[in-house]
């Protein structure tokens, strides 16, 4: 059964700057910080995320694939995690009513993009923590189509399971791109045991400046 969730998201300027690639050794200018705080202040930090999800109990694993009533996830790494899972969570999260500020400055668009990224990422985390409380299970990292060894065509699996229009999300049939652009589709494995939350463990990119291991 598909469920929806509305989430109030509070933002801090350092979270948004991190989403835009800034680090401790590379801080934005004071002018940029002031612009960002103006954006947060004018919206009274009343940012909302929307999520929709379903939990699958009936699944099986075979030949490095995860089979569900909604289709198959062709990912050896996701299937491996599912071997210890009790349930499979399928979800989509997006930003609710992120309005463009009427400013003729490209920096405002850039910062608004950072706000959108941060809201949707925190919305996914909020949804996962909520599901953990209700199911008494631990949620794995969220895996999105195109991430790790799961092909982008996995979007079709997500939208076989969920009706995105419930949270005002559309998917472009040719490119599989989602609108609004600040939208994340994902699956997470729900288990009685904690799983490794370091994304680099599951990623095949060895030459990556962001790699932690």
N, C-alpha and C. Protein backbone atom coordinates (compact mmCIF):
# COMPACT_ATOMS: atom_id res chain seq x y z
N UNK A 1 0.84 -1.20 0.00
CA UNK A 1 0.00 0.00 0.00
C UNK A 1 0.88 1.25 0.00
N UNK A 2 0.56 2.19 -0.86
CA UNK A 2 1.34 3.41 -0.98
C UNK A 2 0.91 4.42 0.08
N UNK A 3 1.90 5.01 0.74
CA UNK A 3 1.64 6.03 1.77
C UNK A 3 2.38 7.30 1.40
N UNK A 4 1.95 8.42 1.97
CA UNK A 4 2.61 9.70 1.75
C UNK A 4 2.99 10.34 3.08
N UNK A 5 3.92 11.26 3.01
CA UNK A 5 4.41 11.92 4.21
C UNK A 5 4.81 13.35 3.87
N UNK A 6 4.39 14.30 4.68
CA UNK A 6 4.84 15.68 4.54
C UNK A 6 5.80 15.99 5.67
N UNK A 7 6.92 16.63 5.34
CA UNK A 7 7.99 16.84 6.32
C UNK A 7 8.40 18.29 6.41
N UNK A 8 8.45 18.81 7.61
CA UNK A 8 8.99 20.16 7.84
C UNK A 8 10.50 20.04 7.97
N UNK A 9 11.22 20.79 7.15
CA UNK A 9 12.67 20.69 7.10
C UNK A 9 13.30 22.02 7.51
N UNK A 10 14.11 21.98 8.55
CA UNK A 10 14.87 23.16 8.97
C UNK A 10 16.27 23.09 8.37
N UNK A 11 16.73 24.22 7.85
CA UNK A 11 18.02 24.26 7.18
C UNK A 11 19.00 25.17 7.90
N UNK A 12 20.27 24.79 7.81
CA UNK A 12 21.37 25.61 8.28
C UNK A 12 22.23 25.99 7.08
N UNK A 13 22.80 27.17 7.11
CA UNK A 13 23.55 27.63 5.93
C UNK A 13 24.72 26.70 5.59
N UNK A 14 25.37 26.10 6.61
CA UNK A 14 26.52 25.24 6.32
C UNK A 14 26.09 23.96 5.61
N UNK A 15 24.85 23.50 5.84
CA UNK A 15 24.35 22.31 5.15
C UNK A 15 24.18 22.61 3.66
N UNK A 16 23.64 23.77 3.36
CA UNK A 16 23.41 24.15 1.97
C UNK A 16 24.73 24.35 1.25
N UNK A 17 25.68 24.99 1.91
CA UNK A 17 26.99 25.21 1.29
C UNK A 17 27.71 23.89 1.03
N UNK A 18 27.54 22.94 1.95
CA UNK A 18 28.15 21.63 1.73
C UNK A 18 27.55 20.94 0.51
N UNK A 19 26.23 21.11 0.32
CA UNK A 19 25.58 20.49 -0.84
C UNK A 19 26.05 21.11 -2.15
N UNK A 20 26.55 22.34 -2.08
CA UNK A 20 27.06 23.02 -3.27
C UNK A 20 28.55 22.81 -3.48
N UNK A 21 29.15 21.97 -2.62
CA UNK A 21 30.55 21.61 -2.81
C UNK A 21 31.55 22.39 -1.99
N UNK A 22 31.10 23.30 -1.14
CA UNK A 22 32.02 24.05 -0.29
C UNK A 22 32.53 23.17 0.85
N UNK A 23 33.78 23.40 1.24
CA UNK A 23 34.39 22.64 2.33
C UNK A 23 35.00 23.61 3.33
N UNK A 24 35.49 23.07 4.44
CA UNK A 24 36.09 23.92 5.47
C UNK A 24 37.25 24.73 4.90
N UNK A 25 38.01 24.11 4.02
CA UNK A 25 39.17 24.82 3.46
C UNK A 25 38.80 25.69 2.27
N UNK A 26 37.55 25.63 1.86
CA UNK A 26 37.08 26.45 0.73
C UNK A 26 35.73 27.03 1.08
N UNK A 27 35.74 28.14 1.79
CA UNK A 27 34.51 28.77 2.27
C UNK A 27 34.00 29.80 1.27
N UNK A 28 32.69 30.00 1.19
CA UNK A 28 32.13 31.02 0.31
C UNK A 28 32.42 32.42 0.84
N UNK A 29 32.22 33.41 0.00
CA UNK A 29 32.44 34.79 0.42
C UNK A 29 31.35 35.22 1.39
N UNK A 30 31.63 36.28 2.12
CA UNK A 30 30.65 36.82 3.06
C UNK A 30 29.39 37.27 2.33
N UNK A 31 29.56 37.81 1.12
CA UNK A 31 28.41 38.25 0.32
C UNK A 31 27.50 37.07 0.00
N UNK A 32 28.11 35.94 -0.35
CA UNK A 32 27.33 34.74 -0.67
C UNK A 32 26.55 34.26 0.55
N UNK A 33 27.21 34.24 1.70
CA UNK A 33 26.55 33.82 2.94
C UNK A 33 25.37 34.73 3.25
N UNK A 34 25.55 36.03 3.06
CA UNK A 34 24.47 36.98 3.33
C UNK A 34 23.29 36.75 2.39
N UNK A 35 23.57 36.47 1.12
CA UNK A 35 22.50 36.16 0.16
C UNK A 35 21.72 34.92 0.60
N UNK A 36 22.46 33.92 1.04
CA UNK A 36 21.82 32.67 1.45
C UNK A 36 20.93 32.89 2.67
N UNK A 37 21.44 33.61 3.65
CA UNK A 37 20.66 33.87 4.86
C UNK A 37 19.41 34.70 4.55
N UNK A 38 19.51 35.56 3.53
CA UNK A 38 18.34 36.34 3.12
C UNK A 38 17.27 35.41 2.55
N UNK A 39 17.70 34.43 1.75
CA UNK A 39 16.77 33.47 1.19
C UNK A 39 16.08 32.66 2.28
N UNK A 40 16.86 32.22 3.26
CA UNK A 40 16.30 31.44 4.37
C UNK A 40 15.35 32.30 5.20
N UNK A 41 15.74 33.55 5.43
CA UNK A 41 14.94 34.45 6.28
C UNK A 41 13.62 34.81 5.60
N UNK A 42 13.66 35.09 4.29
CA UNK A 42 12.43 35.51 3.60
C UNK A 42 11.41 34.39 3.53
N UNK A 43 11.87 33.16 3.66
CA UNK A 43 10.93 32.03 3.66
C UNK A 43 10.61 31.57 5.08
N UNK A 44 11.16 32.27 6.08
CA UNK A 44 10.97 31.94 7.50
C UNK A 44 11.37 30.49 7.78
N UNK A 45 12.29 29.96 6.95
CA UNK A 45 12.79 28.59 7.09
C UNK A 45 11.65 27.57 7.12
N UNK A 46 10.56 27.88 6.42
CA UNK A 46 9.43 26.95 6.38
C UNK A 46 9.50 26.11 5.11
N UNK A 47 10.52 25.28 5.06
CA UNK A 47 10.71 24.41 3.90
C UNK A 47 10.04 23.07 4.17
N UNK A 48 9.45 22.51 3.13
CA UNK A 48 8.75 21.24 3.28
C UNK A 48 9.22 20.24 2.23
N UNK A 49 9.29 19.00 2.66
CA UNK A 49 9.54 17.90 1.74
C UNK A 49 8.30 17.04 1.67
N UNK A 50 8.12 16.38 0.54
CA UNK A 50 7.03 15.43 0.37
C UNK A 50 7.62 14.07 0.04
N UNK A 51 7.08 13.03 0.62
CA UNK A 51 7.55 11.69 0.34
C UNK A 51 6.40 10.74 0.11
N UNK A 52 6.64 9.76 -0.75
CA UNK A 52 5.68 8.68 -0.93
C UNK A 52 6.46 7.38 -0.96
N UNK A 53 5.87 6.31 -0.44
CA UNK A 53 6.62 5.07 -0.30
C UNK A 53 5.69 3.88 -0.16
N UNK A 54 6.25 2.71 -0.36
CA UNK A 54 5.56 1.46 -0.03
C UNK A 54 6.60 0.49 0.51
N UNK A 55 6.15 -0.45 1.31
CA UNK A 55 7.03 -1.44 1.91
C UNK A 55 6.64 -2.82 1.36
N UNK A 56 7.63 -3.51 0.83
CA UNK A 56 7.40 -4.80 0.20
C UNK A 56 7.87 -5.92 1.13
N UNK A 57 6.99 -6.85 1.42
CA UNK A 57 7.33 -8.00 2.25
C UNK A 57 7.63 -9.24 1.42
N UNK A 58 7.07 -9.30 0.22
CA UNK A 58 7.19 -10.47 -0.63
C UNK A 58 8.29 -10.25 -1.66
N UNK A 59 9.46 -10.80 -1.44
CA UNK A 59 10.56 -10.67 -2.39
C UNK A 59 11.47 -11.89 -2.29
N UNK A 60 12.28 -12.06 -3.32
CA UNK A 60 13.26 -13.15 -3.31
C UNK A 60 14.51 -12.71 -4.05
N UNK A 61 15.60 -13.40 -3.79
CA UNK A 61 16.89 -13.07 -4.40
C UNK A 61 17.37 -14.25 -5.22
N UNK A 62 17.89 -13.96 -6.41
CA UNK A 62 18.45 -15.02 -7.24
C UNK A 62 19.35 -14.47 -8.32
N UNK A 63 20.52 -15.09 -8.49
CA UNK A 63 21.48 -14.69 -9.54
C UNK A 63 21.83 -13.21 -9.49
N UNK A 64 21.99 -12.70 -8.29
CA UNK A 64 22.38 -11.30 -8.14
C UNK A 64 21.30 -10.31 -8.46
N UNK A 65 20.04 -10.74 -8.40
CA UNK A 65 18.91 -9.86 -8.67
C UNK A 65 17.89 -9.97 -7.55
N UNK A 66 17.13 -8.88 -7.36
CA UNK A 66 16.09 -8.83 -6.34
C UNK A 66 14.73 -8.79 -7.03
N UNK A 67 13.91 -9.81 -6.78
CA UNK A 67 12.62 -9.93 -7.44
C UNK A 67 11.50 -9.54 -6.48
N UNK A 68 10.60 -8.67 -6.96
CA UNK A 68 9.46 -8.22 -6.17
C UNK A 68 8.21 -8.27 -7.05
N UNK A 69 7.02 -8.08 -6.47
CA UNK A 69 5.81 -8.03 -7.30
C UNK A 69 5.79 -6.88 -8.31
N UNK A 70 6.66 -5.89 -8.11
CA UNK A 70 6.68 -4.72 -8.99
C UNK A 70 7.74 -4.82 -10.08
N UNK A 71 8.52 -5.89 -10.04
CA UNK A 71 9.57 -6.04 -11.02
C UNK A 71 10.86 -6.46 -10.35
N UNK A 72 11.93 -6.37 -11.12
CA UNK A 72 13.23 -6.88 -10.69
C UNK A 72 14.25 -5.75 -10.58
N UNK A 73 15.04 -5.78 -9.51
CA UNK A 73 16.17 -4.86 -9.36
C UNK A 73 17.42 -5.62 -9.77
N UNK A 74 18.03 -5.22 -10.88
CA UNK A 74 19.22 -5.90 -11.37
C UNK A 74 20.46 -5.22 -10.79
N UNK A 75 20.79 -5.60 -9.58
CA UNK A 75 21.94 -5.03 -8.88
C UNK A 75 22.47 -6.08 -7.92
N UNK A 76 23.67 -6.55 -8.19
CA UNK A 76 24.26 -7.57 -7.33
C UNK A 76 24.43 -7.06 -5.90
N UNK A 77 24.82 -5.80 -5.75
CA UNK A 77 25.08 -5.27 -4.41
C UNK A 77 23.80 -5.06 -3.61
N UNK A 78 22.75 -4.59 -4.28
CA UNK A 78 21.47 -4.44 -3.58
C UNK A 78 20.91 -5.81 -3.22
N UNK A 79 21.02 -6.76 -4.15
CA UNK A 79 20.54 -8.11 -3.88
C UNK A 79 21.30 -8.74 -2.72
N UNK A 80 22.59 -8.48 -2.64
CA UNK A 80 23.39 -9.03 -1.54
C UNK A 80 22.92 -8.49 -0.19
N UNK A 81 22.63 -7.18 -0.14
CA UNK A 81 22.11 -6.58 1.09
C UNK A 81 20.74 -7.15 1.45
N UNK A 82 19.95 -7.44 0.42
CA UNK A 82 18.59 -7.93 0.64
C UNK A 82 18.56 -9.32 1.26
N UNK A 83 19.67 -10.05 1.18
CA UNK A 83 19.70 -11.39 1.75
C UNK A 83 19.46 -11.38 3.26
N UNK A 84 19.80 -10.27 3.91
CA UNK A 84 19.60 -10.15 5.35
C UNK A 84 18.44 -9.22 5.69
N UNK A 85 17.68 -8.82 4.68
CA UNK A 85 16.60 -7.86 4.90
C UNK A 85 15.28 -8.55 5.23
N UNK A 86 14.47 -7.84 5.99
CA UNK A 86 13.12 -8.30 6.31
C UNK A 86 12.10 -7.74 5.33
N UNK A 87 12.38 -6.51 4.85
CA UNK A 87 11.46 -5.82 3.96
C UNK A 87 12.24 -4.93 3.00
N UNK A 88 11.59 -4.55 1.91
CA UNK A 88 12.18 -3.62 0.95
C UNK A 88 11.32 -2.36 0.92
N UNK A 89 11.97 -1.22 1.15
CA UNK A 89 11.29 0.07 1.10
C UNK A 89 11.54 0.71 -0.26
N UNK A 90 10.48 1.11 -0.93
CA UNK A 90 10.57 1.82 -2.21
C UNK A 90 10.02 3.22 -1.99
N UNK A 91 10.78 4.25 -2.34
CA UNK A 91 10.32 5.60 -2.03
C UNK A 91 10.71 6.66 -3.05
N UNK A 92 10.00 7.77 -2.98
CA UNK A 92 10.32 8.97 -3.76
C UNK A 92 10.13 10.17 -2.83
N UNK A 93 11.09 11.07 -2.84
CA UNK A 93 10.99 12.30 -2.04
C UNK A 93 11.24 13.49 -2.94
N UNK A 94 10.55 14.58 -2.65
CA UNK A 94 10.70 15.79 -3.46
C UNK A 94 10.53 17.02 -2.58
N UNK A 95 10.75 18.18 -3.19
CA UNK A 95 10.61 19.45 -2.49
C UNK A 95 9.23 20.02 -2.76
N UNK A 96 8.58 20.50 -1.72
CA UNK A 96 7.24 21.05 -1.86
C UNK A 96 7.28 22.56 -2.01
N UNK A 97 6.81 23.03 -3.16
CA UNK A 97 6.54 24.46 -3.35
C UNK A 97 7.77 25.34 -3.11
N UNK A 98 8.89 24.95 -3.71
CA UNK A 98 10.10 25.77 -3.61
C UNK A 98 10.01 26.88 -4.65
N UNK A 99 9.64 28.07 -4.19
CA UNK A 99 9.37 29.18 -5.11
C UNK A 99 10.64 29.97 -5.41
N UNK A 100 10.76 30.34 -6.67
CA UNK A 100 11.89 31.15 -7.10
C UNK A 100 11.73 32.57 -6.61
N UNK A 101 12.82 33.11 -6.06
CA UNK A 101 12.82 34.50 -5.61
C UNK A 101 13.03 35.41 -6.83
N UNK A 102 12.25 36.44 -6.89
CA UNK A 102 12.35 37.36 -8.04
C UNK A 102 13.57 38.27 -7.89
N UNK A 103 14.71 37.72 -8.22
CA UNK A 103 15.96 38.48 -8.17
C UNK A 103 16.71 38.23 -9.47
N UNK A 104 17.17 39.29 -10.10
CA UNK A 104 17.92 39.15 -11.34
C UNK A 104 19.40 38.96 -11.01
N UNK A 105 19.69 37.84 -10.38
CA UNK A 105 21.05 37.54 -9.97
C UNK A 105 21.23 36.03 -10.07
N UNK A 106 22.18 35.59 -10.86
CA UNK A 106 22.38 34.16 -11.06
C UNK A 106 22.77 33.45 -9.77
N UNK A 107 23.37 34.21 -8.83
CA UNK A 107 23.77 33.61 -7.56
C UNK A 107 22.55 33.15 -6.77
N UNK A 108 21.45 33.88 -6.86
CA UNK A 108 20.24 33.48 -6.14
C UNK A 108 19.71 32.14 -6.68
N UNK A 109 19.74 31.99 -8.00
CA UNK A 109 19.32 30.72 -8.60
C UNK A 109 20.23 29.58 -8.12
N UNK A 110 21.51 29.87 -8.06
CA UNK A 110 22.49 28.88 -7.62
C UNK A 110 22.24 28.47 -6.16
N UNK A 111 22.00 29.44 -5.30
CA UNK A 111 21.75 29.15 -3.89
C UNK A 111 20.41 28.45 -3.70
N UNK A 112 19.41 28.84 -4.50
CA UNK A 112 18.11 28.18 -4.42
C UNK A 112 18.24 26.71 -4.82
N UNK A 113 19.09 26.45 -5.79
CA UNK A 113 19.37 25.07 -6.18
C UNK A 113 19.96 24.29 -5.00
N UNK A 114 20.90 24.93 -4.29
CA UNK A 114 21.50 24.29 -3.11
C UNK A 114 20.47 24.02 -2.03
N UNK A 115 19.53 24.95 -1.86
CA UNK A 115 18.45 24.75 -0.89
C UNK A 115 17.61 23.54 -1.29
N UNK A 116 17.28 23.44 -2.58
CA UNK A 116 16.48 22.31 -3.06
C UNK A 116 17.18 20.98 -2.82
N UNK A 117 18.47 20.92 -3.14
CA UNK A 117 19.25 19.69 -2.92
C UNK A 117 19.20 19.29 -1.44
N UNK A 118 19.44 20.26 -0.57
CA UNK A 118 19.49 19.98 0.86
C UNK A 118 18.15 19.52 1.40
N UNK A 119 17.07 20.18 0.96
CA UNK A 119 15.74 19.79 1.43
C UNK A 119 15.44 18.35 1.05
N UNK A 120 15.67 17.98 -0.20
CA UNK A 120 15.28 16.64 -0.64
C UNK A 120 16.16 15.57 0.01
N UNK A 121 17.44 15.86 0.22
CA UNK A 121 18.31 14.90 0.89
C UNK A 121 17.90 14.70 2.34
N UNK A 122 17.55 15.80 3.02
CA UNK A 122 17.10 15.69 4.40
C UNK A 122 15.72 15.04 4.48
N UNK A 123 14.91 15.21 3.45
CA UNK A 123 13.60 14.57 3.40
C UNK A 123 13.73 13.06 3.32
N UNK A 124 14.67 12.59 2.49
CA UNK A 124 14.91 11.15 2.40
C UNK A 124 15.36 10.61 3.75
N UNK A 125 16.27 11.32 4.40
CA UNK A 125 16.76 10.88 5.70
C UNK A 125 15.63 10.88 6.73
N UNK A 126 14.79 11.90 6.72
CA UNK A 126 13.65 11.99 7.64
C UNK A 126 12.72 10.80 7.43
N UNK A 127 12.43 10.49 6.17
CA UNK A 127 11.53 9.39 5.85
C UNK A 127 12.11 8.07 6.35
N UNK A 128 13.41 7.85 6.12
CA UNK A 128 14.05 6.61 6.55
C UNK A 128 14.02 6.47 8.07
N UNK A 129 14.31 7.57 8.79
CA UNK A 129 14.31 7.50 10.26
C UNK A 129 12.89 7.21 10.78
N UNK A 130 11.89 7.77 10.12
CA UNK A 130 10.50 7.53 10.52
C UNK A 130 10.12 6.07 10.31
N UNK A 131 10.51 5.52 9.16
CA UNK A 131 10.22 4.12 8.86
C UNK A 131 10.94 3.20 9.84
N UNK A 132 12.14 3.55 10.22
CA UNK A 132 12.87 2.75 11.21
C UNK A 132 12.09 2.65 12.53
N UNK A 133 11.52 3.77 12.94
CA UNK A 133 10.77 3.78 14.19
C UNK A 133 9.51 2.93 14.11
N UNK A 134 8.83 2.99 12.96
CA UNK A 134 7.55 2.28 12.85
C UNK A 134 7.74 0.78 12.60
N UNK A 135 8.82 0.41 11.91
CA UNK A 135 9.04 -1.01 11.59
C UNK A 135 9.94 -1.72 12.59
N UNK A 136 10.64 -0.92 13.43
CA UNK A 136 11.61 -1.48 14.38
C UNK A 136 12.77 -2.17 13.64
N UNK A 137 13.04 -1.71 12.44
CA UNK A 137 14.14 -2.24 11.64
C UNK A 137 15.14 -1.12 11.34
N UNK A 138 16.33 -1.53 10.92
CA UNK A 138 17.34 -0.57 10.49
C UNK A 138 17.24 -0.41 8.97
N UNK A 139 17.27 0.83 8.51
CA UNK A 139 17.23 1.11 7.07
C UNK A 139 18.65 1.21 6.53
N UNK A 140 18.88 0.57 5.40
CA UNK A 140 20.18 0.69 4.75
C UNK A 140 20.30 2.07 4.09
N UNK A 141 21.44 2.33 3.52
CA UNK A 141 21.58 3.51 2.67
C UNK A 141 20.50 3.47 1.58
N UNK A 142 19.99 4.60 1.18
CA UNK A 142 19.06 4.61 0.04
C UNK A 142 19.84 4.45 -1.27
N UNK A 143 19.40 3.54 -2.10
CA UNK A 143 20.02 3.31 -3.40
C UNK A 143 19.11 3.84 -4.49
N UNK A 144 19.63 4.70 -5.35
CA UNK A 144 18.84 5.28 -6.44
C UNK A 144 19.25 4.65 -7.76
N UNK A 145 18.32 4.56 -8.72
CA UNK A 145 18.69 4.10 -10.06
C UNK A 145 19.83 4.96 -10.62
N UNK A 146 20.82 4.28 -11.19
CA UNK A 146 22.00 4.98 -11.69
C UNK A 146 23.13 5.01 -10.68
N UNK A 147 22.84 4.59 -9.46
CA UNK A 147 23.86 4.58 -8.40
C UNK A 147 24.37 3.16 -8.20
N UNK A 148 25.67 3.07 -7.86
CA UNK A 148 26.28 1.77 -7.61
C UNK A 148 26.20 0.94 -8.90
N UNK A 149 25.71 -0.28 -8.85
CA UNK A 149 25.62 -1.11 -10.07
C UNK A 149 24.19 -1.27 -10.54
N UNK A 150 23.32 -0.31 -10.15
CA UNK A 150 21.91 -0.34 -10.58
C UNK A 150 21.72 0.66 -11.71
N UNK A 151 21.32 0.18 -12.87
CA UNK A 151 21.18 1.02 -14.05
C UNK A 151 20.06 2.04 -13.87
N UNK A 152 20.18 3.17 -14.57
CA UNK A 152 19.18 4.24 -14.48
C UNK A 152 17.80 3.75 -14.92
N UNK A 153 17.75 2.69 -15.72
CA UNK A 153 16.46 2.14 -16.15
C UNK A 153 15.65 1.61 -14.96
N UNK A 154 16.30 1.49 -13.80
CA UNK A 154 15.60 1.10 -12.57
C UNK A 154 14.51 2.09 -12.17
N UNK A 155 14.51 3.28 -12.78
CA UNK A 155 13.43 4.23 -12.53
C UNK A 155 12.07 3.60 -12.85
N UNK A 156 12.06 2.75 -13.89
CA UNK A 156 10.79 2.12 -14.28
C UNK A 156 10.27 1.23 -13.16
N UNK A 157 11.19 0.57 -12.45
CA UNK A 157 10.80 -0.26 -11.31
C UNK A 157 10.16 0.58 -10.22
N UNK A 158 10.81 1.72 -9.91
CA UNK A 158 10.29 2.61 -8.87
C UNK A 158 8.86 3.04 -9.19
N UNK A 159 8.63 3.42 -10.44
CA UNK A 159 7.33 3.98 -10.80
C UNK A 159 6.31 2.92 -11.21
N UNK A 160 6.74 1.66 -11.25
CA UNK A 160 5.77 0.57 -11.29
C UNK A 160 5.16 0.38 -9.90
N UNK A 161 5.97 0.67 -8.88
CA UNK A 161 5.53 0.47 -7.50
C UNK A 161 4.76 1.66 -6.95
N UNK A 162 5.09 2.86 -7.44
CA UNK A 162 4.53 4.08 -6.86
C UNK A 162 3.91 4.98 -7.92
N UNK A 163 2.87 5.69 -7.52
CA UNK A 163 2.28 6.72 -8.37
C UNK A 163 2.87 8.07 -7.94
N UNK A 164 3.81 8.63 -8.70
CA UNK A 164 4.49 9.85 -8.28
C UNK A 164 3.61 11.10 -8.28
N UNK A 165 2.51 11.04 -9.02
CA UNK A 165 1.65 12.22 -9.11
C UNK A 165 1.04 12.59 -7.76
N UNK A 166 1.00 11.64 -6.84
CA UNK A 166 0.47 11.91 -5.50
C UNK A 166 1.25 13.03 -4.81
N UNK A 167 2.56 13.11 -5.12
CA UNK A 167 3.38 14.19 -4.54
C UNK A 167 3.84 15.16 -5.63
N UNK A 168 3.06 15.22 -6.71
CA UNK A 168 3.31 16.18 -7.80
C UNK A 168 4.65 15.97 -8.50
N UNK A 169 5.04 14.73 -8.66
CA UNK A 169 6.26 14.39 -9.38
C UNK A 169 5.89 13.75 -10.71
N UNK A 170 6.60 14.16 -11.75
CA UNK A 170 6.42 13.58 -13.08
C UNK A 170 7.72 12.92 -13.50
N UNK A 171 7.62 11.89 -14.34
CA UNK A 171 8.82 11.27 -14.90
C UNK A 171 8.74 11.36 -16.42
N UNK A 172 9.83 11.81 -17.03
CA UNK A 172 9.89 11.95 -18.48
C UNK A 172 10.19 10.58 -19.08
N UNK A 173 9.30 10.10 -19.93
CA UNK A 173 9.38 8.73 -20.43
C UNK A 173 10.65 8.45 -21.23
N UNK A 174 11.15 9.45 -21.96
CA UNK A 174 12.33 9.22 -22.79
C UNK A 174 13.63 9.22 -22.00
N UNK A 175 13.78 10.21 -21.13
CA UNK A 175 15.04 10.36 -20.39
C UNK A 175 14.99 9.75 -19.00
N UNK A 176 13.80 9.42 -18.50
CA UNK A 176 13.59 8.93 -17.13
C UNK A 176 13.94 10.00 -16.10
N UNK A 177 14.03 11.25 -16.55
CA UNK A 177 14.29 12.37 -15.64
C UNK A 177 13.02 12.69 -14.86
N UNK A 178 13.20 13.10 -13.61
CA UNK A 178 12.05 13.44 -12.77
C UNK A 178 11.91 14.95 -12.63
N UNK A 179 10.68 15.40 -12.57
CA UNK A 179 10.35 16.80 -12.31
C UNK A 179 9.41 16.87 -11.12
N UNK A 180 9.65 17.78 -10.16
CA UNK A 180 10.71 18.78 -10.08
C UNK A 180 12.11 18.13 -10.07
N UNK A 181 13.10 18.94 -10.43
CA UNK A 181 14.46 18.39 -10.51
C UNK A 181 14.99 17.98 -9.14
N UNK A 182 14.49 18.62 -8.08
CA UNK A 182 14.95 18.25 -6.73
C UNK A 182 14.09 17.11 -6.21
N UNK A 183 14.27 15.95 -6.82
CA UNK A 183 13.51 14.76 -6.48
C UNK A 183 14.47 13.57 -6.44
N UNK A 184 14.27 12.69 -5.49
CA UNK A 184 15.09 11.49 -5.35
C UNK A 184 14.18 10.27 -5.30
N UNK A 185 14.47 9.28 -6.14
CA UNK A 185 13.80 7.98 -6.05
C UNK A 185 14.81 6.99 -5.49
N UNK A 186 14.35 6.02 -4.73
CA UNK A 186 15.30 5.15 -4.04
C UNK A 186 14.63 3.88 -3.54
N UNK A 187 15.49 2.90 -3.20
CA UNK A 187 15.07 1.75 -2.40
C UNK A 187 16.01 1.66 -1.21
N UNK A 188 15.49 1.12 -0.13
CA UNK A 188 16.29 0.88 1.07
C UNK A 188 15.90 -0.48 1.62
N UNK A 189 16.86 -1.21 2.13
CA UNK A 189 16.59 -2.52 2.69
C UNK A 189 16.41 -2.40 4.20
N UNK A 190 15.33 -2.95 4.70
CA UNK A 190 15.01 -2.88 6.13
C UNK A 190 15.41 -4.19 6.79
N UNK A 191 16.29 -4.09 7.77
CA UNK A 191 16.87 -5.28 8.37
C UNK A 191 16.89 -5.17 9.88
N UNK A 192 16.99 -6.31 10.54
CA UNK A 192 17.11 -6.32 12.00
C UNK A 192 18.54 -6.02 12.43
N UNK A 193 19.46 -6.00 11.47
CA UNK A 193 20.86 -5.70 11.75
C UNK A 193 21.26 -4.40 11.05
N UNK A 194 22.16 -3.66 11.66
CA UNK A 194 22.67 -2.44 11.05
C UNK A 194 23.55 -2.79 9.85
N UNK A 195 23.50 -1.93 8.84
CA UNK A 195 24.35 -2.12 7.67
C UNK A 195 25.33 -0.95 7.57
N UNK A 196 26.37 -1.16 6.80
CA UNK A 196 27.40 -0.14 6.62
C UNK A 196 26.81 1.09 5.92
N UNK A 197 26.98 2.27 6.51
CA UNK A 197 26.42 3.50 5.94
C UNK A 197 27.43 4.29 5.12
N UNK A 198 28.61 3.70 4.90
CA UNK A 198 29.60 4.36 4.05
C UNK A 198 29.29 4.03 2.59
N UNK A 199 28.85 5.01 1.79
CA UNK A 199 28.45 4.72 0.41
C UNK A 199 29.58 4.18 -0.45
N UNK A 200 30.82 4.49 -0.10
CA UNK A 200 31.96 4.06 -0.90
C UNK A 200 32.13 2.54 -0.88
N UNK A 201 31.59 1.88 0.14
CA UNK A 201 31.67 0.42 0.23
C UNK A 201 30.94 -0.21 -0.96
N UNK A 202 29.88 0.44 -1.45
CA UNK A 202 29.04 -0.13 -2.49
C UNK A 202 29.33 0.42 -3.88
N UNK A 203 30.20 1.42 -3.96
CA UNK A 203 30.45 2.10 -5.23
C UNK A 203 31.65 1.48 -5.95
N UNK A 204 31.55 1.38 -7.28
CA UNK A 204 32.62 0.78 -8.07
C UNK A 204 33.67 1.79 -8.54
N UNK A 205 33.43 3.09 -8.28
CA UNK A 205 34.39 4.11 -8.73
C UNK A 205 35.59 4.14 -7.77
N UNK A 206 36.73 3.70 -8.26
CA UNK A 206 37.92 3.66 -7.42
C UNK A 206 38.67 4.99 -7.44
N UNK A 207 38.67 5.66 -8.60
CA UNK A 207 39.37 6.93 -8.73
C UNK A 207 38.35 8.05 -8.56
N UNK A 208 38.11 8.42 -7.31
CA UNK A 208 37.10 9.43 -6.99
C UNK A 208 37.64 10.33 -5.89
N UNK A 209 37.59 11.64 -6.10
CA UNK A 209 38.12 12.59 -5.12
C UNK A 209 37.33 12.57 -3.82
N UNK A 210 36.08 12.05 -3.88
CA UNK A 210 35.23 12.02 -2.69
C UNK A 210 35.32 10.67 -1.95
N UNK A 211 36.11 9.74 -2.47
CA UNK A 211 36.15 8.39 -1.90
C UNK A 211 36.68 8.41 -0.47
N UNK A 212 36.01 7.69 0.42
CA UNK A 212 36.36 7.66 1.85
C UNK A 212 37.18 6.45 2.25
N UNK A 213 37.28 5.45 1.36
CA UNK A 213 38.08 4.26 1.69
C UNK A 213 39.01 3.93 0.54
